[in-house]
Amino acid sequence: MCMDSTVSVWCKSGRVCCALDIGVMAQELKPDPVDPKTTDVRDEGIVRRLNLLQEQVLREMKRMARPQEPYSTMVQAWIEGFKMRLLS
């Protein structure tokens, strides 16, 4: 579970997903070509799956922000506030 509710979004399943945390995990697991390890193949698979999950969360956020969706105004306001916090 995400410890910082300012960067969390609700997924369809009702669990809290942290798109930023997912991206950070993927970056930390990305194998270092200068220092190869025996777990690199496994880690590359994990990185791919984390990146796909991050993309899915972001797509869901965009879908929820469409004008025809319920609560879209609230989602749009949250996204704008989120962008401002990222840039500050």
N, C-alpha and C. Protein backbone atom coordinates (compact mmCIF):
# COMPACT_ATOMS: atom_id res chain seq x y z
N MET A 1 0.84 -1.18 0.00
CA MET A 1 0.00 0.00 0.00
C MET A 1 0.88 1.24 0.00
N CYS A 2 0.45 2.24 -0.72
CA CYS A 2 1.19 3.49 -0.81
C CYS A 2 1.09 4.25 0.50
N MET A 3 2.21 4.74 0.98
CA MET A 3 2.23 5.47 2.23
C MET A 3 1.90 6.95 2.02
N ASP A 4 2.03 7.46 0.81
CA ASP A 4 1.77 8.87 0.52
C ASP A 4 0.49 8.97 -0.29
N SER A 5 -0.59 9.36 0.35
CA SER A 5 -1.88 9.38 -0.34
C SER A 5 -1.95 10.46 -1.41
N THR A 6 -1.00 11.39 -1.45
CA THR A 6 -1.04 12.43 -2.47
C THR A 6 -0.66 11.91 -3.83
N VAL A 7 -0.03 10.74 -3.91
CA VAL A 7 0.35 10.19 -5.21
C VAL A 7 -0.40 8.90 -5.51
N SER A 8 -1.47 8.65 -4.81
CA SER A 8 -2.18 7.39 -5.02
C SER A 8 -3.44 7.61 -5.84
N VAL A 9 -3.86 6.56 -6.52
CA VAL A 9 -5.12 6.59 -7.27
C VAL A 9 -5.85 5.29 -6.99
N TRP A 10 -7.16 5.33 -7.08
CA TRP A 10 -7.93 4.11 -6.88
C TRP A 10 -8.02 3.36 -8.20
N CYS A 11 -7.66 2.11 -8.17
CA CYS A 11 -7.79 1.25 -9.35
C CYS A 11 -9.19 0.66 -9.35
N LYS A 12 -9.58 0.03 -10.48
CA LYS A 12 -10.89 -0.60 -10.57
C LYS A 12 -11.11 -1.60 -9.45
N SER A 13 -10.07 -2.30 -9.05
CA SER A 13 -10.21 -3.34 -8.04
C SER A 13 -10.41 -2.78 -6.64
N GLY A 14 -10.26 -1.46 -6.48
CA GLY A 14 -10.44 -0.86 -5.17
C GLY A 14 -9.15 -0.76 -4.37
N ARG A 15 -8.07 -1.33 -4.87
CA ARG A 15 -6.79 -1.21 -4.16
C ARG A 15 -6.13 0.10 -4.55
N VAL A 16 -5.30 0.60 -3.67
CA VAL A 16 -4.58 1.84 -3.95
C VAL A 16 -3.30 1.47 -4.72
N CYS A 17 -3.10 2.13 -5.85
CA CYS A 17 -1.89 1.90 -6.66
C CYS A 17 -1.09 3.19 -6.68
N CYS A 18 0.19 3.07 -6.65
CA CYS A 18 1.06 4.25 -6.68
C CYS A 18 1.88 4.23 -7.95
N ALA A 19 1.44 4.99 -8.95
CA ALA A 19 2.13 4.99 -10.24
C ALA A 19 3.58 5.42 -10.10
N LEU A 20 3.83 6.40 -9.25
CA LEU A 20 5.22 6.84 -9.09
C LEU A 20 6.06 5.78 -8.41
N ASP A 21 5.53 5.16 -7.37
CA ASP A 21 6.26 4.11 -6.68
C ASP A 21 6.57 2.95 -7.61
N ILE A 22 5.62 2.62 -8.48
CA ILE A 22 5.83 1.53 -9.43
C ILE A 22 7.00 1.87 -10.36
N GLY A 23 7.03 3.12 -10.84
CA GLY A 23 8.13 3.55 -11.71
C GLY A 23 9.47 3.52 -11.00
N VAL A 24 9.48 3.94 -9.74
CA VAL A 24 10.73 3.93 -8.97
C VAL A 24 11.21 2.50 -8.77
N MET A 25 10.29 1.58 -8.46
CA MET A 25 10.69 0.18 -8.29
C MET A 25 11.29 -0.37 -9.57
N ALA A 26 10.66 -0.04 -10.70
CA ALA A 26 11.17 -0.52 -11.99
C ALA A 26 12.58 0.01 -12.24
N GLN A 27 12.81 1.29 -11.95
CA GLN A 27 14.13 1.87 -12.16
C GLN A 27 15.18 1.22 -11.26
N GLU A 28 14.80 0.95 -10.00
CA GLU A 28 15.75 0.35 -9.07
C GLU A 28 16.10 -1.08 -9.45
N LEU A 29 15.18 -1.79 -10.08
CA LEU A 29 15.43 -3.18 -10.47
C LEU A 29 16.11 -3.31 -11.83
N LYS A 30 16.11 -2.23 -12.60
CA LYS A 30 16.69 -2.30 -13.94
C LYS A 30 18.15 -2.73 -13.84
N PRO A 31 18.52 -3.81 -14.54
CA PRO A 31 19.89 -4.31 -14.46
C PRO A 31 20.92 -3.28 -14.92
N ASP A 32 22.06 -3.32 -14.26
CA ASP A 32 23.18 -2.44 -14.59
C ASP A 32 24.08 -3.16 -15.58
N PRO A 33 24.17 -2.67 -16.83
CA PRO A 33 24.99 -3.36 -17.84
C PRO A 33 26.47 -3.40 -17.47
N VAL A 34 26.92 -2.47 -16.63
CA VAL A 34 28.33 -2.43 -16.22
C VAL A 34 28.63 -3.51 -15.20
N ASP A 35 27.62 -3.88 -14.40
CA ASP A 35 27.80 -4.86 -13.32
C ASP A 35 26.72 -5.94 -13.41
N PRO A 36 26.83 -6.85 -14.41
CA PRO A 36 25.79 -7.88 -14.59
C PRO A 36 25.72 -8.83 -13.39
N LYS A 37 24.48 -9.28 -13.11
CA LYS A 37 24.25 -10.21 -12.01
C LYS A 37 23.47 -11.42 -12.53
N THR A 38 23.47 -12.49 -11.77
CA THR A 38 22.77 -13.70 -12.20
C THR A 38 21.25 -13.52 -12.19
N THR A 39 20.74 -12.53 -11.50
CA THR A 39 19.29 -12.29 -11.44
C THR A 39 18.80 -11.31 -12.50
N ASP A 40 19.68 -10.87 -13.41
CA ASP A 40 19.32 -9.84 -14.39
C ASP A 40 18.13 -10.25 -15.27
N VAL A 41 18.08 -11.50 -15.72
CA VAL A 41 16.99 -11.93 -16.60
C VAL A 41 15.67 -11.85 -15.84
N ARG A 42 15.66 -12.32 -14.60
CA ARG A 42 14.46 -12.24 -13.78
C ARG A 42 14.06 -10.78 -13.56
N ASP A 43 15.04 -9.96 -13.21
CA ASP A 43 14.77 -8.55 -12.93
C ASP A 43 14.24 -7.81 -14.15
N GLU A 44 14.75 -8.15 -15.34
CA GLU A 44 14.24 -7.52 -16.56
C GLU A 44 12.77 -7.83 -16.75
N GLY A 45 12.36 -9.06 -16.45
CA GLY A 45 10.94 -9.42 -16.54
C GLY A 45 10.10 -8.64 -15.54
N ILE A 46 10.61 -8.48 -14.33
CA ILE A 46 9.90 -7.71 -13.31
C ILE A 46 9.78 -6.26 -13.74
N VAL A 47 10.85 -5.70 -14.28
CA VAL A 47 10.84 -4.31 -14.75
C VAL A 47 9.78 -4.14 -15.83
N ARG A 48 9.71 -5.07 -16.78
CA ARG A 48 8.71 -4.98 -17.85
C ARG A 48 7.29 -5.00 -17.28
N ARG A 49 7.05 -5.91 -16.33
CA ARG A 49 5.71 -6.00 -15.74
C ARG A 49 5.36 -4.76 -14.93
N LEU A 50 6.33 -4.21 -14.20
CA LEU A 50 6.07 -2.99 -13.43
C LEU A 50 5.77 -1.82 -14.36
N ASN A 51 6.51 -1.73 -15.46
CA ASN A 51 6.25 -0.66 -16.43
C ASN A 51 4.85 -0.80 -17.05
N LEU A 52 4.44 -2.04 -17.35
CA LEU A 52 3.10 -2.26 -17.89
C LEU A 52 2.03 -1.88 -16.87
N LEU A 53 2.25 -2.22 -15.60
CA LEU A 53 1.32 -1.85 -14.54
C LEU A 53 1.22 -0.34 -14.40
N GLN A 54 2.37 0.33 -14.46
CA GLN A 54 2.37 1.79 -14.37
C GLN A 54 1.57 2.40 -15.52
N GLU A 55 1.78 1.89 -16.72
CA GLU A 55 1.03 2.39 -17.88
C GLU A 55 -0.46 2.15 -17.72
N GLN A 56 -0.83 0.98 -17.17
CA GLN A 56 -2.24 0.66 -16.95
C GLN A 56 -2.87 1.63 -15.96
N VAL A 57 -2.18 1.93 -14.88
CA VAL A 57 -2.69 2.88 -13.88
C VAL A 57 -2.88 4.25 -14.51
N LEU A 58 -1.90 4.70 -15.28
CA LEU A 58 -2.01 6.02 -15.91
C LEU A 58 -3.13 6.07 -16.95
N ARG A 59 -3.31 4.97 -17.71
CA ARG A 59 -4.43 4.91 -18.66
C ARG A 59 -5.77 4.99 -17.94
N GLU A 60 -5.87 4.30 -16.80
CA GLU A 60 -7.11 4.33 -16.02
C GLU A 60 -7.39 5.73 -15.49
N MET A 61 -6.33 6.43 -15.07
CA MET A 61 -6.51 7.81 -14.61
C MET A 61 -7.05 8.68 -15.75
N LYS A 62 -6.49 8.52 -16.94
CA LYS A 62 -6.95 9.30 -18.09
C LYS A 62 -8.40 8.98 -18.42
N ARG A 63 -8.75 7.67 -18.36
CA ARG A 63 -10.12 7.27 -18.65
C ARG A 63 -11.08 7.89 -17.65
N MET A 64 -10.71 7.87 -16.39
CA MET A 64 -11.58 8.41 -15.34
C MET A 64 -11.74 9.92 -15.47
N ALA A 65 -10.81 10.59 -16.14
CA ALA A 65 -10.87 12.05 -16.29
C ALA A 65 -11.70 12.48 -17.50
N ARG A 66 -12.14 11.54 -18.34
CA ARG A 66 -12.99 11.90 -19.49
C ARG A 66 -14.27 12.56 -19.01
N PRO A 67 -14.70 13.62 -19.69
CA PRO A 67 -15.89 14.37 -19.25
C PRO A 67 -17.14 13.52 -19.03
N GLN A 68 -17.32 12.45 -19.80
CA GLN A 68 -18.54 11.64 -19.67
C GLN A 68 -18.49 10.67 -18.49
N GLU A 69 -17.35 10.53 -17.84
CA GLU A 69 -17.22 9.61 -16.72
C GLU A 69 -17.73 10.24 -15.42
N PRO A 70 -18.33 9.39 -14.53
CA PRO A 70 -18.76 9.93 -13.23
C PRO A 70 -17.55 10.44 -12.46
N TYR A 71 -17.71 11.50 -11.76
CA TYR A 71 -16.67 12.09 -10.92
C TYR A 71 -15.48 12.63 -11.72
N SER A 72 -15.64 12.83 -13.03
CA SER A 72 -14.52 13.28 -13.87
C SER A 72 -13.99 14.65 -13.42
N THR A 73 -14.85 15.52 -12.96
CA THR A 73 -14.41 16.83 -12.49
C THR A 73 -13.47 16.69 -11.31
N MET A 74 -13.82 15.80 -10.39
CA MET A 74 -12.97 15.54 -9.23
C MET A 74 -11.63 14.93 -9.67
N VAL A 75 -11.67 14.00 -10.60
CA VAL A 75 -10.45 13.36 -11.09
C VAL A 75 -9.57 14.38 -11.80
N GLN A 76 -10.16 15.23 -12.63
CA GLN A 76 -9.39 16.26 -13.34
C GLN A 76 -8.73 17.22 -12.35
N ALA A 77 -9.46 17.61 -11.31
CA ALA A 77 -8.90 18.51 -10.30
C ALA A 77 -7.75 17.82 -9.56
N TRP A 78 -7.92 16.54 -9.25
CA TRP A 78 -6.86 15.80 -8.57
C TRP A 78 -5.61 15.73 -9.44
N ILE A 79 -5.80 15.44 -10.74
CA ILE A 79 -4.66 15.33 -11.66
C ILE A 79 -3.93 16.67 -11.76
N GLU A 80 -4.67 17.77 -11.87
CA GLU A 80 -4.03 19.09 -11.94
C GLU A 80 -3.23 19.39 -10.67
N GLY A 81 -3.81 19.08 -9.52
CA GLY A 81 -3.09 19.27 -8.26
C GLY A 81 -1.86 18.38 -8.18
N PHE A 82 -1.99 17.17 -8.68
CA PHE A 82 -0.88 16.22 -8.69
C PHE A 82 0.26 16.75 -9.55
N LYS A 83 -0.07 17.28 -10.74
CA LYS A 83 0.94 17.85 -11.63
C LYS A 83 1.66 19.01 -10.95
N MET A 84 0.89 19.86 -10.26
CA MET A 84 1.49 21.02 -9.58
C MET A 84 2.46 20.55 -8.49
N ARG A 85 2.06 19.50 -7.74
CA ARG A 85 2.94 18.99 -6.69
C ARG A 85 4.21 18.38 -7.29
N LEU A 86 4.10 17.73 -8.44
CA LEU A 86 5.27 17.14 -9.10
C LEU A 86 6.25 18.22 -9.54
N LEU A 87 5.71 19.34 -10.00
CA LEU A 87 6.56 20.41 -10.53
C LEU A 87 7.13 21.32 -9.44
N SER A 88 6.57 21.23 -8.24
CA SER A 88 7.07 22.12 -7.17
C SER A 88 8.21 21.50 -6.38
